[in-house]
Amino acid sequence: MSQERAVTQKNNRKKLGLIGMLALAAVLLAVPVGCETDSWLDPSVVGRWEHTPITMPILDRIDVIEDKGALTVTVSEVTPEDLMPDYREYTIGPSDVIAVIIFELVDPGQEAIYTRQVDATGLVRLPFVGAIKVSGKTPSQLETHIIELLERRDVIHNATVSVVLQNTTQNTFTVNASPLTGGTAGGVYPIPRPDFRLLDALAMARGVPDRTKRLLVIRQSPLSSDVAGVVPEGVGKEGDEPVKAAPPAPQDPTQLIEELLQGVDGGSTDTGPAPGTQDPAQQAPAGIEAGLDSAHPQAQWVNVGGEWVRVEADQAQQQAQSTQENQARLSAMVTQRVIEVPYERLTEGDMRYNIVIRPGDIIKVPGQAGGFVYLGGAVNRPGAYNVPGEKDLTLKQLIVSGGNLSAIAIPERVDLIRRIGADQEATVRINLRAIFDGTEPDLFLKANDVINVGTNMAATPLAIFRNGLRATYGFGFVLDRNFNLDVFGAGQ
């Protein structure tokens, strides 16, 4: 009996040894395979984890919900012409202060100096000459013009005239920045020389915040003489006083009294609606509830100050046509170019973006107060997260900041809700797994974006199944004597 028992124990030991060897082999085979397996029955695990590096762009606009043509302006890149200084002679304009020096005008061998400020009509007044139109002329052109006037009026022949600029107001640029934008001093600054560049302008405005990624330089070009500030014909003629506006024509006293009495009780001759009827101005049309007027199907009704006012279809069409005409007139009067300068590269020493600042340029420093984005759904830490500024927070960064996805998250079911207007929003579905895998580009988040991570009906049962499984990794095995009497024997 003892010999049979010994044989049985020996066979059991062989079986246990064989099982142990098989388990060890399985573990050794699973190690290289398991290290490259992203997850085991867990769809919420996302990532690439590949040896080959990749490069992907980061989107700042989603085409399906954000129309590029709907943007207010179109930005352009820096061109080689933006680096070339403009050495043209200064053009005098209103509010400039000039000094006119005429040799031997009063006393022989002496210079007569007259300091004048150009008025709003572009004129200055000098002795023996009168009013002179100086706006729109360069100093050399004005010198020649004064010499001709002195010759024509027989004041002095072959005069020696010099025009010196004392204070110029035409060569200026503007820095537009928020008062809290890192101490940048917004305002209007003079351009001291033709080779005055962007870094010089920023230094004059006390710099910009370190987090600034880009700058916008708005360069306007007036296409109309009215916009360009050219004095109209008939205003500010040489030798004449500025033309004054004609006084308004006297109004008929009777008509004036009637206008004053309109709307006053007892002061109007209108007898009002017939007895037993309601004033049509206080009564909505019969078809207003249905949105149409039976008598005028094309009419529109609006309530203005408690009164219903009819807007005919032709009036609405005329209003739309008027809006189009106004836009066309604006385009014909002013054109502009918005230059986007990558400030990060400029601060690194790339002088290809240190463009020349020209008269009338507006340097826009974008604000750094971004706002909040809102993360919800199947994430570990939902809530509101701060966006430091534009192009500072990506979708992947937000998911990681939120403690990654929860156990029941489905990365393919992520909704992005974005405002595309003052009172309109759009929702687009995002494949978060593809973004983490590197097969789709990541995107920059904007203030007020809402990210909702979804799940599905199989996610919760699958999570319960995963949590119900337990595994012990190692090379040791516990053989409990209470469950195997053949190995240890009874009573041992």
Protein backbone atom coordinates (compact mmCIF):
# COMPACT_ATOMS: atom_id res chain seq x y z
CA MET A 1 0.00 0.00 0.00
CA SER A 2 2.85 2.34 0.84
CA GLN A 3 4.54 1.48 -2.47
CA GLU A 4 1.43 2.38 -4.47
CA ARG A 5 1.13 5.59 -2.53
CA ALA A 6 4.72 6.50 -3.29
CA VAL A 7 4.15 5.85 -7.00
CA THR A 8 1.04 8.02 -6.93
CA GLN A 9 2.93 10.86 -5.27
CA LYS A 10 5.71 10.57 -7.83
CA ASN A 11 3.23 10.74 -10.71
CA ASN A 12 1.55 13.77 -9.17
CA ARG A 13 4.90 15.49 -8.85
CA LYS A 14 5.60 14.83 -12.50
CA LYS A 15 2.21 16.26 -13.45
CA LEU A 16 2.82 19.35 -11.34
CA GLY A 17 6.25 19.78 -12.88
CA LEU A 18 4.80 19.48 -16.36
CA ILE A 19 2.09 22.01 -15.54
CA GLY A 20 4.67 24.37 -14.10
CA MET A 21 6.84 24.12 -17.22
CA LEU A 22 3.85 24.79 -19.45
CA ALA A 23 2.85 27.79 -17.34
CA LEU A 24 6.41 29.13 -17.44
CA ALA A 25 6.53 28.73 -21.21
CA ALA A 26 3.20 30.52 -21.57
CA VAL A 27 4.46 33.40 -19.46
CA LEU A 28 7.71 33.64 -21.41
CA LEU A 29 5.79 33.67 -24.69
CA ALA A 30 3.28 36.22 -23.44
CA VAL A 31 5.91 38.70 -22.27
CA PRO A 32 7.07 39.89 -25.73
CA VAL A 33 3.54 39.77 -27.12
CA GLY A 34 1.80 41.36 -24.16
CA CYS A 35 4.19 44.32 -24.01
CA GLU A 36 3.02 45.44 -27.44
CA THR A 37 -0.66 44.83 -26.79
CA ASP A 38 -2.52 48.04 -26.06
CA SER A 39 -5.24 46.54 -23.87
CA TRP A 40 -7.07 43.36 -22.94
CA LEU A 41 -10.79 43.72 -23.54
CA ASP A 42 -10.55 47.42 -22.61
CA PRO A 43 -11.63 49.79 -25.46
CA SER A 44 -11.04 52.89 -23.32
CA VAL A 45 -7.26 52.53 -23.58
CA VAL A 46 -5.95 54.79 -26.34
CA GLY A 47 -2.44 55.49 -27.56
CA ARG A 48 0.00 54.83 -30.36
CA TRP A 49 3.05 53.25 -28.70
CA GLU A 50 4.94 52.58 -31.91
CA HIS A 51 8.68 52.67 -32.52
CA THR A 52 8.40 54.71 -35.73
CA PRO A 53 7.93 58.43 -35.04
CA ILE A 54 5.34 60.43 -36.96
CA THR A 55 4.53 64.12 -37.44
CA MET A 56 0.94 65.32 -37.58
CA PRO A 57 -0.52 68.84 -37.90
CA ILE A 58 -2.76 70.40 -35.28
CA LEU A 59 -5.94 71.92 -36.69
CA ASP A 60 -7.15 75.34 -35.59
CA ARG A 61 -10.41 75.15 -37.54
CA ILE A 62 -12.91 72.39 -38.38
CA ASP A 63 -14.00 72.75 -41.99
CA VAL A 64 -17.35 70.97 -41.63
CA ILE A 65 -18.65 73.48 -39.07
CA GLU A 66 -16.43 76.53 -39.56
CA ASP A 67 -16.55 78.09 -42.99
CA LYS A 68 -13.30 79.83 -43.88
CA GLY A 69 -15.19 82.31 -46.02
CA ALA A 70 -17.28 83.34 -43.03
CA LEU A 71 -14.26 84.74 -41.23
CA THR A 72 -14.12 88.50 -40.90
CA VAL A 73 -10.74 88.92 -42.56
CA THR A 74 -8.22 86.81 -44.42
CA VAL A 75 -4.66 86.87 -43.17
CA SER A 76 -1.61 86.69 -45.42
CA GLU A 77 1.99 85.69 -44.87
CA VAL A 78 5.01 87.97 -44.81
CA THR A 79 6.31 88.78 -48.29
CA PRO A 80 9.79 90.04 -49.34
CA GLU A 81 8.29 93.46 -50.14
CA ASP A 82 7.35 93.84 -46.45
CA LEU A 83 11.06 93.99 -45.56
CA MET A 84 11.90 96.84 -47.94
CA PRO A 85 12.02 100.37 -46.45
CA ASP A 86 10.12 103.22 -48.11
CA TYR A 87 12.37 106.24 -48.63
CA ARG A 88 9.81 108.51 -50.25
CA GLU A 89 9.70 112.13 -49.10
CA TYR A 90 7.22 112.98 -46.39
CA THR A 91 3.83 114.35 -47.46
CA ILE A 92 2.50 117.24 -45.40
CA GLY A 93 -0.99 116.90 -43.96
CA PRO A 94 -3.39 118.55 -41.49
CA SER A 95 -2.12 119.17 -37.94
CA ASP A 96 1.53 119.11 -39.06
CA VAL A 97 3.74 121.95 -37.84
CA ILE A 98 6.14 123.41 -40.39
CA ALA A 99 8.67 126.24 -40.36
CA VAL A 100 8.90 128.34 -43.56
CA ILE A 101 12.24 130.18 -43.84
CA ILE A 102 12.45 132.95 -46.48
CA PHE A 103 15.78 134.70 -46.95
CA GLU A 104 15.71 138.53 -47.19
CA LEU A 105 11.93 138.74 -47.20
CA VAL A 106 11.85 141.56 -44.62
CA ASP A 107 15.42 142.70 -43.93
CA PRO A 108 18.46 142.36 -46.21
CA GLY A 109 20.76 139.56 -45.21
CA GLN A 110 18.25 138.21 -42.66
CA GLU A 111 16.03 135.14 -42.61
CA ALA A 112 12.33 135.43 -41.88
CA ILE A 113 11.07 132.33 -40.05
CA TYR A 114 7.36 131.58 -39.88
CA THR A 115 6.19 128.57 -37.85
CA ARG A 116 2.70 127.47 -38.77
CA GLN A 117 0.38 124.55 -38.06
CA VAL A 118 -1.56 123.17 -41.00
CA ASP A 119 -5.27 123.58 -40.38
CA ALA A 120 -8.01 121.04 -41.11
CA THR A 121 -8.41 122.36 -44.68
CA GLY A 122 -4.71 121.92 -45.45
CA LEU A 123 -3.84 125.64 -45.43
CA VAL A 124 -1.25 127.86 -43.79
CA ARG A 125 -1.15 131.66 -43.98
CA LEU A 126 2.03 133.64 -44.59
CA PRO A 127 2.70 137.39 -44.83
CA PHE A 128 2.74 138.89 -48.35
CA VAL A 129 1.33 135.62 -49.70
CA GLY A 130 -1.89 134.81 -47.84
CA ALA A 131 -3.39 131.35 -47.61
CA ILE A 132 -1.31 128.58 -49.17
CA LYS A 133 -2.45 125.03 -49.81
CA VAL A 134 0.25 122.80 -48.31
CA SER A 135 -1.61 119.55 -47.64
CA GLY A 136 -0.60 116.83 -50.06
CA LYS A 137 2.75 118.43 -50.93
CA THR A 138 6.24 117.37 -49.93
CA PRO A 139 8.61 119.97 -48.39
CA SER A 140 10.52 120.36 -51.66
CA GLN A 141 7.29 120.82 -53.63
CA LEU A 142 6.09 123.41 -51.11
CA GLU A 143 9.38 125.33 -51.40
CA THR A 144 8.98 125.54 -55.16
CA HIS A 145 5.35 126.59 -54.81
CA ILE A 146 6.18 129.43 -52.38
CA ILE A 147 8.94 130.69 -54.68
CA GLU A 148 6.47 130.81 -57.57
CA LEU A 149 3.91 132.69 -55.46
CA LEU A 150 6.48 135.30 -54.35
CA GLU A 151 7.57 135.73 -57.96
CA ARG A 152 4.01 135.98 -59.27
CA ARG A 153 2.98 138.59 -56.72
CA ASP A 154 6.16 140.57 -57.28
CA VAL A 155 7.20 140.30 -53.63
CA ILE A 156 10.73 138.99 -54.16
CA HIS A 157 12.48 137.53 -57.16
CA ASN A 158 14.66 134.41 -57.08
CA ALA A 159 13.73 133.86 -53.44
CA THR A 160 15.53 131.36 -51.24
CA VAL A 161 12.91 129.33 -49.34
CA SER A 162 13.33 126.40 -46.97
CA VAL A 163 10.56 124.30 -45.39
CA VAL A 164 11.47 122.44 -42.20
CA LEU A 165 9.17 119.88 -40.58
CA GLN A 166 8.74 120.68 -36.89
CA ASN A 167 6.06 118.14 -35.93
CA THR A 168 4.69 115.41 -38.19
CA THR A 169 1.43 113.58 -37.58
CA GLN A 170 1.05 111.58 -40.80
CA ASN A 171 3.84 109.01 -40.26
CA THR A 172 2.35 107.18 -37.31
CA PHE A 173 1.40 103.63 -36.40
CA THR A 174 -1.04 102.24 -33.85
CA VAL A 175 -0.61 99.48 -31.28
CA ASN A 176 -3.93 97.85 -30.40
CA ALA A 177 -3.69 95.76 -27.23
CA SER A 178 -5.76 95.02 -24.19
CA PRO A 179 -4.81 97.13 -21.14
CA LEU A 180 -4.06 93.90 -19.27
CA THR A 181 -2.03 92.25 -22.02
CA GLY A 182 1.30 91.95 -20.26
CA GLY A 183 1.86 95.68 -19.89
CA THR A 184 1.81 96.44 -23.62
CA ALA A 185 1.20 100.17 -24.00
CA GLY A 186 -1.36 100.61 -26.72
CA GLY A 187 -1.55 103.95 -28.49
CA VAL A 188 -0.41 105.96 -31.48
CA TYR A 189 3.35 106.29 -32.03
CA PRO A 190 5.46 108.18 -34.57
CA ILE A 191 7.62 106.48 -37.18
CA PRO A 192 11.03 108.13 -36.77
CA ARG A 193 12.76 106.75 -39.88
CA PRO A 194 11.96 104.80 -43.05
CA ASP A 195 13.78 101.67 -41.79
CA PHE A 196 11.58 101.38 -38.71
CA ARG A 197 10.75 97.72 -38.07
CA LEU A 198 8.38 95.60 -36.03
CA LEU A 199 10.76 94.87 -33.16
CA ASP A 200 11.47 98.61 -32.85
CA ALA A 201 7.74 99.29 -32.68
CA LEU A 202 7.20 96.62 -30.01
CA ALA A 203 10.06 98.01 -27.95
CA MET A 204 8.46 101.46 -28.18
CA ALA A 205 5.21 99.92 -26.87
CA ARG A 206 7.03 98.20 -23.95
CA GLY A 207 6.97 94.73 -25.47
CA VAL A 208 4.37 91.97 -25.58
CA PRO A 209 3.66 88.98 -23.28
CA ASP A 210 5.95 85.95 -23.48
CA ARG A 211 3.04 83.65 -24.37
CA THR A 212 2.28 85.62 -27.54
CA LYS A 213 2.51 83.31 -30.55
CA ARG A 214 1.56 85.64 -33.37
CA LEU A 215 0.98 89.29 -34.19
CA LEU A 216 -1.35 90.85 -36.74
CA VAL A 217 -0.31 93.91 -38.74
CA ILE A 218 -3.32 95.54 -40.38
CA ARG A 219 -2.28 97.61 -43.38
CA GLN A 220 -5.00 99.79 -44.93
CA SER A 221 -4.96 101.39 -48.34
CA PRO A 222 -7.62 104.07 -49.00
CA LEU A 223 -9.09 103.77 -52.47
CA SER A 224 -11.23 106.90 -52.21
CA SER A 225 -10.05 110.47 -51.82
CA ASP A 226 -12.68 110.98 -49.11
CA VAL A 227 -11.23 108.15 -47.02
CA ALA A 228 -7.67 109.26 -47.73
CA GLY A 229 -8.38 112.66 -46.16
CA VAL A 230 -8.08 114.70 -49.33
CA VAL A 231 -9.73 118.10 -48.89
CA PRO A 232 -12.70 118.38 -51.28
CA GLU A 233 -12.64 120.89 -54.09
CA GLY A 234 -13.85 124.32 -53.08
CA VAL A 235 -12.63 123.99 -49.49
CA GLY A 236 -9.43 125.78 -48.49
CA LYS A 237 -8.58 127.59 -51.71
CA GLU A 238 -5.39 129.56 -51.84
CA GLY A 239 -5.90 133.23 -51.07
CA ASP A 240 -9.43 132.61 -49.76
CA GLU A 241 -10.89 131.79 -46.41
CA PRO A 242 -12.25 128.30 -45.91
CA VAL A 243 -15.64 127.85 -47.42
CA LYS A 244 -18.34 127.98 -44.78
CA ALA A 245 -21.48 125.88 -44.89
CA ALA A 246 -24.57 127.74 -46.01
CA PRO A 247 -27.08 128.44 -43.19
CA PRO A 248 -30.24 126.32 -43.24
CA ALA A 249 -33.19 127.73 -45.14
CA PRO A 250 -35.89 129.25 -42.92
CA GLN A 251 -38.79 126.92 -42.30
CA ASP A 252 -42.42 127.82 -42.72
CA PRO A 253 -43.76 128.70 -39.21
CA THR A 254 -47.11 127.03 -39.93
CA GLN A 255 -45.43 123.77 -40.91
CA LEU A 256 -43.18 123.93 -37.86
CA ILE A 257 -46.18 124.33 -35.52
CA GLU A 258 -47.96 121.38 -37.14
CA GLU A 259 -44.89 119.19 -36.68
CA LEU A 260 -44.61 120.17 -33.03
CA LEU A 261 -48.29 119.41 -32.40
CA GLN A 262 -48.16 115.96 -34.00
CA GLY A 263 -48.71 113.25 -31.41
CA VAL A 264 -50.08 115.69 -28.81
CA ASP A 265 -53.66 115.06 -27.65
CA GLY A 266 -56.00 117.44 -29.42
CA GLY A 267 -53.20 118.74 -31.61
CA SER A 268 -53.70 116.47 -34.56
CA THR A 269 -56.32 116.83 -37.20
CA ASP A 270 -56.54 113.07 -37.68
CA THR A 271 -59.94 111.84 -36.51
CA GLY A 272 -58.61 108.33 -35.76
CA PRO A 273 -60.41 105.06 -36.44
CA ALA A 274 -64.14 104.92 -36.87
CA PRO A 275 -66.30 104.36 -33.77
CA GLY A 276 -66.58 100.71 -32.77
CA THR A 277 -63.36 99.70 -34.59
CA GLN A 278 -59.83 99.15 -33.31
CA ASP A 279 -56.85 101.11 -34.50
CA PRO A 280 -55.11 98.92 -37.12
CA ALA A 281 -51.76 100.04 -35.70
CA GLN A 282 -52.63 98.35 -32.38
CA GLN A 283 -54.14 95.20 -33.93
CA ALA A 284 -52.08 92.37 -35.30
CA PRO A 285 -53.01 91.17 -38.79
CA ALA A 286 -55.33 88.20 -39.03
CA GLY A 287 -52.59 86.02 -40.54
CA ILE A 288 -49.91 86.95 -38.02
CA GLU A 289 -50.30 83.70 -36.05
CA ALA A 290 -49.66 81.68 -39.19
CA GLY A 291 -46.80 83.90 -40.20
CA LEU A 292 -48.56 85.18 -43.32
CA ASP A 293 -50.96 87.93 -44.21
CA SER A 294 -53.79 86.66 -46.41
CA ALA A 295 -54.10 89.93 -48.28
CA HIS A 296 -50.35 90.34 -48.73
CA PRO A 297 -48.67 86.91 -48.70
CA GLN A 298 -45.28 88.47 -49.32
CA ALA A 299 -45.55 90.98 -46.47
CA GLN A 300 -43.66 90.76 -43.19
CA TRP A 301 -44.90 92.20 -39.90
CA VAL A 302 -42.76 93.49 -37.07
CA ASN A 303 -43.74 95.05 -33.75
CA VAL A 304 -42.12 98.43 -33.20
CA GLY A 305 -42.91 100.24 -29.96
CA GLY A 306 -46.11 98.28 -29.45
CA GLU A 307 -47.30 98.89 -33.01
CA TRP A 308 -47.41 96.39 -35.85
CA VAL A 309 -45.60 97.72 -38.91
CA ARG A 310 -45.88 96.12 -42.32
CA VAL A 311 -42.69 95.56 -44.28
CA GLU A 312 -43.55 94.68 -47.83
CA ALA A 313 -41.55 92.12 -49.76
CA ASP A 314 -40.25 94.74 -52.14
CA GLN A 315 -39.08 96.79 -49.17
CA ALA A 316 -37.22 93.81 -47.74
CA GLN A 317 -35.68 93.20 -51.14
CA GLN A 318 -34.68 96.83 -51.38
CA GLN A 319 -33.12 96.66 -47.93
CA ALA A 320 -31.08 93.60 -48.91
CA GLN A 321 -30.03 95.30 -52.12
CA SER A 322 -29.07 98.41 -50.17
CA THR A 323 -26.91 96.28 -47.86
CA GLN A 324 -25.12 94.77 -50.85
CA GLU A 325 -24.58 98.20 -52.34
CA ASN A 326 -23.13 99.46 -49.06
CA GLN A 327 -20.73 96.53 -48.94
CA ALA A 328 -19.68 97.23 -52.52
CA ARG A 329 -19.13 100.90 -51.72
CA LEU A 330 -17.06 100.01 -48.67
CA SER A 331 -14.92 97.68 -50.77
CA ALA A 332 -14.44 100.44 -53.32
CA MET A 333 -13.36 102.94 -50.64
CA VAL A 334 -10.95 100.91 -48.50
CA THR A 335 -8.90 97.79 -49.03
CA GLN A 336 -6.77 96.16 -46.39
CA ARG A 337 -4.19 93.46 -45.89
CA VAL A 338 -3.75 91.63 -42.61
CA ILE A 339 -0.20 90.30 -42.19
CA GLU A 340 0.25 87.42 -39.75
CA VAL A 341 3.68 87.48 -38.13
CA PRO A 342 4.84 84.35 -36.20
CA TYR A 343 6.16 86.13 -33.14
CA GLU A 344 7.72 82.98 -31.67
CA ARG A 345 10.07 82.65 -34.63
CA LEU A 346 10.80 86.36 -34.58
CA THR A 347 11.91 86.24 -30.94
CA GLU A 348 14.18 83.29 -31.77
CA GLY A 349 16.13 85.55 -34.12
CA ASP A 350 14.45 84.91 -37.46
CA MET A 351 14.71 88.43 -38.92
CA ARG A 352 12.76 87.42 -42.02
CA TYR A 353 9.66 88.39 -40.06
CA ASN A 354 10.95 91.74 -38.77
CA ILE A 355 8.89 93.67 -41.30
CA VAL A 356 9.01 97.42 -41.91
CA ILE A 357 6.26 99.41 -40.21
CA ARG A 358 4.61 101.79 -42.65
CA PRO A 359 2.45 104.87 -41.96
CA GLY A 360 -1.05 103.91 -40.86
CA ASP A 361 -0.17 100.35 -39.80
CA ILE A 362 -2.12 98.85 -36.87
CA ILE A 363 -0.27 96.27 -34.78
CA LYS A 364 -2.78 93.98 -33.12
CA VAL A 365 -1.56 92.07 -30.05
CA PRO A 366 -4.01 89.19 -29.43
CA GLY A 367 -5.30 88.92 -25.90
CA GLN A 368 -4.13 86.06 -23.70
CA ALA A 369 -7.32 85.57 -21.68
CA GLY A 370 -8.64 82.44 -23.32
CA GLY A 371 -11.57 81.22 -21.23
CA PHE A 372 -12.81 77.76 -20.32
CA VAL A 373 -13.57 74.47 -22.06
CA TYR A 374 -15.96 71.96 -20.57
CA LEU A 375 -15.16 68.23 -20.36
CA GLY A 376 -17.88 65.73 -19.55
CA GLY A 377 -19.11 62.23 -20.15
CA ALA A 378 -17.05 59.07 -19.61
CA VAL A 379 -13.92 60.69 -18.18
CA ASN A 380 -12.35 60.37 -14.74
CA ARG A 381 -12.36 64.08 -13.87
CA PRO A 382 -15.10 66.00 -15.70
CA GLY A 383 -15.36 69.75 -15.25
CA ALA A 384 -14.29 73.13 -16.61
CA TYR A 385 -10.66 73.59 -17.68
CA ASN A 386 -8.85 76.84 -18.40
CA VAL A 387 -7.67 77.74 -21.91
CA PRO A 388 -4.62 80.01 -21.44
CA GLY A 389 -4.93 81.60 -24.88
CA GLU A 390 -5.38 80.90 -28.55
CA LYS A 391 -3.69 77.74 -29.82
CA ASP A 392 -2.62 76.70 -26.33
CA LEU A 393 -4.77 73.65 -25.49
CA THR A 394 -5.33 70.59 -27.67
CA LEU A 395 -7.91 67.84 -27.37
CA LYS A 396 -5.34 65.26 -26.27
CA GLN A 397 -4.01 67.60 -23.59
CA LEU A 398 -7.54 68.11 -22.26
CA ILE A 399 -8.21 64.36 -22.05
CA VAL A 400 -4.96 63.77 -20.17
CA SER A 401 -5.73 66.71 -17.84
CA GLY A 402 -9.10 65.12 -17.13
CA GLY A 403 -7.50 61.93 -15.79
CA ASN A 404 -7.88 60.06 -19.10
CA LEU A 405 -10.97 58.12 -20.15
CA SER A 406 -13.03 56.10 -17.69
CA ALA A 407 -13.45 52.35 -17.90
CA ILE A 408 -16.69 52.59 -19.89
CA ALA A 409 -15.54 55.21 -22.44
CA ILE A 410 -15.69 54.56 -26.16
CA PRO A 411 -13.05 56.79 -27.84
CA GLU A 412 -14.80 56.66 -31.21
CA ARG A 413 -17.86 58.35 -29.70
CA VAL A 414 -16.72 61.85 -28.74
CA ASP A 415 -18.79 64.96 -29.47
CA LEU A 416 -17.27 68.42 -29.89
CA ILE A 417 -19.78 71.26 -29.43
CA ARG A 418 -18.43 74.62 -30.64
CA ARG A 419 -19.94 78.07 -30.91
CA ILE A 420 -19.86 79.35 -34.47
CA GLY A 421 -21.74 82.59 -33.88
CA ALA A 422 -23.25 84.80 -31.24
CA ASP A 423 -26.35 82.58 -30.95
CA GLN A 424 -25.44 79.40 -32.82
CA GLU A 425 -23.45 76.25 -32.09
CA ALA A 426 -22.44 73.18 -34.06
CA THR A 427 -21.74 69.60 -32.98
CA VAL A 428 -19.25 67.34 -34.74
CA ARG A 429 -18.17 63.81 -33.90
CA ILE A 430 -14.49 63.22 -33.15
CA ASN A 431 -12.61 59.90 -33.34
CA LEU A 432 -10.37 60.20 -30.29
CA ARG A 433 -8.76 56.82 -30.86
CA ALA A 434 -7.59 57.85 -34.32
CA ILE A 435 -6.13 61.06 -32.89
CA PHE A 436 -4.16 59.16 -30.24
CA ASP A 437 -3.12 56.56 -32.83
CA GLY A 438 -1.72 59.31 -35.05
CA THR A 439 -3.93 58.55 -38.03
CA GLU A 440 -5.92 61.79 -37.67
CA PRO A 441 -4.66 65.25 -36.66
CA ASP A 442 -5.25 66.71 -33.23
CA LEU A 443 -7.05 70.06 -32.94
CA PHE A 444 -6.75 73.21 -30.87
CA LEU A 445 -9.63 73.88 -28.52
CA LYS A 446 -11.30 77.27 -28.24
CA ALA A 447 -13.00 78.98 -25.36
CA ASN A 448 -16.53 77.66 -24.63
CA ASP A 449 -15.90 74.33 -26.39
CA VAL A 450 -17.74 71.34 -24.88
CA ILE A 451 -16.22 67.83 -25.10
CA ASN A 452 -18.63 64.99 -24.34
CA VAL A 453 -17.05 61.50 -24.24
CA GLY A 454 -19.65 58.85 -24.96
CA THR A 455 -20.12 55.15 -24.20
CA ASN A 456 -22.33 52.32 -25.49
CA MET A 457 -24.48 49.48 -24.16
CA ALA A 458 -21.65 46.93 -24.18
CA ALA A 459 -19.11 49.05 -22.32
CA THR A 460 -20.50 48.50 -18.81
CA PRO A 461 -20.87 44.66 -19.02
CA LEU A 462 -17.39 44.46 -20.50
CA ALA A 463 -15.97 46.52 -17.64
CA ILE A 464 -17.71 44.26 -15.10
CA PHE A 465 -16.25 41.18 -16.81
CA ARG A 466 -12.75 42.66 -16.74
CA ASN A 467 -13.01 43.52 -13.07
CA GLY A 468 -14.26 40.04 -12.23
CA LEU A 469 -11.09 38.41 -13.49
CA ARG A 470 -8.04 38.20 -11.25
CA ALA A 471 -4.63 36.88 -12.22
CA THR A 472 -1.44 36.26 -10.26
CA TYR A 473 1.77 36.74 -12.19
CA GLY A 474 4.93 34.92 -11.05
CA PHE A 475 6.73 31.65 -11.04
CA GLY A 476 5.57 30.24 -7.67
CA PHE A 477 2.52 28.00 -7.22
CA VAL A 478 0.56 27.43 -4.03
CA LEU A 479 -0.54 23.86 -3.50
CA ASP A 480 -3.00 23.75 -0.63
CA ARG A 481 -2.78 20.47 1.33
CA ASN A 482 -6.49 20.73 2.18
CA PHE A 483 -7.41 20.10 -1.45
CA ASN A 484 -4.85 17.47 -2.54
CA LEU A 485 -4.50 14.50 -0.18
CA ASP A 486 -2.75 12.43 -2.83
CA VAL A 487 0.38 14.60 -2.61
CA PHE A 488 0.67 15.19 1.13
CA GLY A 489 -1.29 12.17 2.29
CA ALA A 490 -4.01 12.04 4.89
CA GLY A 491 -3.16 13.48 8.24
CA GLN A 492 0.16 15.03 7.13
